[in-house]
Structures are given as C-alpha cells and as structure tokens.
C-alpha atoms as a PDB file:
ATOM      1  CA  UNK A   1      41.369  12.732  14.742  1.00  0.00           C
ATOM      2  CA  UNK A   2      38.431  15.035  14.172  1.00  0.00           C
ATOM      3  CA  UNK A   3      35.088  14.330  15.792  1.00  0.00           C
ATOM      4  CA  UNK A   4      32.807  12.593  13.277  1.00  0.00           C
ATOM      5  CA  UNK A   5      29.043  12.447  12.721  1.00  0.00           C
ATOM      6  CA  UNK A   6      27.320   9.450  11.150  1.00  0.00           C
ATOM      7  CA  UNK A   7      24.094  10.476   9.402  1.00  0.00           C
ATOM      8  CA  UNK A   8      21.540   7.741   8.880  1.00  0.00           C
ATOM      9  CA  UNK A   9      17.819   7.039   8.944  1.00  0.00           C
ATOM     10  CA  UNK A  10      15.703   3.927   9.238  1.00  0.00           C
ATOM     11  CA  UNK A  11      12.043   3.171   8.830  1.00  0.00           C
ATOM     12  CA  UNK A  12      10.165  -0.009   7.982  1.00  0.00           C
ATOM     13  CA  UNK A  13       7.476  -0.058   5.284  1.00  0.00           C
ATOM     14  CA  UNK A  14       5.580  -2.925   3.677  1.00  0.00           C
ATOM     15  CA  UNK A  15       7.759  -3.715   0.640  1.00  0.00           C
ATOM     16  CA  UNK A  16       4.843  -3.659  -1.790  1.00  0.00           C
ATOM     17  CA  UNK A  17       3.972  -0.068  -0.782  1.00  0.00           C
ATOM     18  CA  UNK A  18       7.322   1.457  -1.844  1.00  0.00           C
ATOM     19  CA  UNK A  19       7.470   3.394  -5.082  1.00  0.00           C
ATOM     20  CA  UNK A  20      10.875   5.152  -4.915  1.00  0.00           C
ATOM     21  CA  UNK A  21      13.721   5.949  -2.541  1.00  0.00           C
ATOM     22  CA  UNK A  22      15.519   9.247  -3.101  1.00  0.00           C
ATOM     23  CA  UNK A  23      18.646  10.889  -1.737  1.00  0.00           C
ATOM     24  CA  UNK A  24      18.424  12.860   1.488  1.00  0.00           C
ATOM     25  CA  UNK A  25      19.811  16.401   1.654  1.00  0.00           C
ATOM     26  CA  UNK A  26      22.250  17.450   4.377  1.00  0.00           C
ATOM     27  CA  UNK A  27      22.960  21.143   4.969  1.00  0.00           C
ATOM     28  CA  UNK A  28      26.481  21.936   6.201  1.00  0.00           C
ATOM     29  CA  UNK A  29      27.382  24.841   8.476  1.00  0.00           C
ATOM     30  CA  UNK A  30      29.371  26.450   5.645  1.00  0.00           C
ATOM     31  CA  UNK A  31      26.075  26.873   3.760  1.00  0.00           C
ATOM     32  CA  UNK A  32      26.703  24.097   1.248  1.00  0.00           C
ATOM     33  CA  UNK A  33      24.336  21.195   0.710  1.00  0.00           C
ATOM     34  CA  UNK A  34      25.387  17.614   0.162  1.00  0.00           C
ATOM     35  CA  UNK A  35      23.449  14.389  -0.201  1.00  0.00           C
ATOM     36  CA  UNK A  36      23.266  11.060   1.536  1.00  0.00           C
ATOM     37  CA  UNK A  37      22.428   8.037  -0.563  1.00  0.00           C
ATOM     38  CA  UNK A  38      19.513   6.139   0.901  1.00  0.00           C
ATOM     39  CA  UNK A  39      19.686   2.350   0.816  1.00  0.00           C
ATOM     40  CA  UNK A  40      16.883  -0.175   0.586  1.00  0.00           C
ATOM     41  CA  UNK A  41      17.059  -3.636   2.170  1.00  0.00           C
ATOM     42  CA  UNK A  42      14.105  -5.959   1.668  1.00  0.00           C
ATOM     43  CA  UNK A  43      13.325  -9.243   3.381  1.00  0.00           C
ATOM     44  CA  UNK A  44      12.308 -10.571   6.744  1.00  0.00           C
ATOM     45  CA  UNK A  45      13.614  -9.243  10.058  1.00  0.00           C
ATOM     46  CA  UNK A  46      16.605 -11.607  10.132  1.00  0.00           C
ATOM     47  CA  UNK A  47      17.499 -10.853   6.496  1.00  0.00           C
ATOM     48  CA  UNK A  48      17.370  -7.103   7.075  1.00  0.00           C
ATOM     49  CA  UNK A  49      19.466  -7.335  10.260  1.00  0.00           C
ATOM     50  CA  UNK A  50      22.087  -9.522   8.549  1.00  0.00           C
ATOM     51  CA  UNK A  51      22.437  -7.295   5.481  1.00  0.00           C
ATOM     52  CA  UNK A  52      22.473  -4.138   7.611  1.00  0.00           C
ATOM     53  CA  UNK A  53      25.332  -5.527   9.747  1.00  0.00           C
ATOM     54  CA  UNK A  54      27.284  -6.443   6.620  1.00  0.00           C
ATOM     55  CA  UNK A  55      26.672  -2.997   5.159  1.00  0.00           C
ATOM     56  CA  UNK A  56      27.899  -1.230   8.309  1.00  0.00           C
ATOM     57  CA  UNK A  57      31.036  -3.393   8.427  1.00  0.00           C
ATOM     58  CA  UNK A  58      31.752  -2.725   4.746  1.00  0.00           C
ATOM     59  CA  UNK A  59      31.220   1.023   5.242  1.00  0.00           C
ATOM     60  CA  UNK A  60      33.876   1.235   7.950  1.00  0.00           C
ATOM     61  CA  UNK A  61      36.255  -0.958   5.918  1.00  0.00           C
ATOM     62  CA  UNK A  62      36.296   1.878   3.355  1.00  0.00           C
ATOM     63  CA  UNK A  63      37.853   4.101   6.052  1.00  0.00           C
ATOM     64  CA  UNK A  64      40.723   2.027   7.519  1.00  0.00           C
ATOM     65  CA  UNK A  65      42.215   5.146   9.110  1.00  0.00           C
ATOM     66  CA  UNK A  66      39.334   5.333  11.627  1.00  0.00           C
END
C-alpha cells in the first residue's frame, strides 16, 4: 500500500464570530491544485470531541481497503 497523508486543520472560535467557512487549497507536486472541504462542528467541548470522533470513524469506513 502506498504511503498516505491525511490533511486536516483545527482551530476553535467563538461560534457567534463565524461568518463563513471555505474550502482549503492543496497544491500537489504534479502542479495541480485540489481542495479540502472544511467542516464545522459547534457545541461544547464534549459535543465537539464526540462528533469529531464519529466523523473520523466514518471517514475511514469510506476506505475499507486501508
């Protein structure tokens, strides 16, 4: 299996200060650009941790060959 790279970012903001969340751009070595969809999870610390864990599990379920 090829070596993989998981691209992600996290930062906490007060929920009432957010206006928009946009895609992030990733530049590949072949010169092409691609995008990474950014996700927003709102709630308290426990809510965010729970939803983030579920999201990570669901992400890897999409790739059963890993």
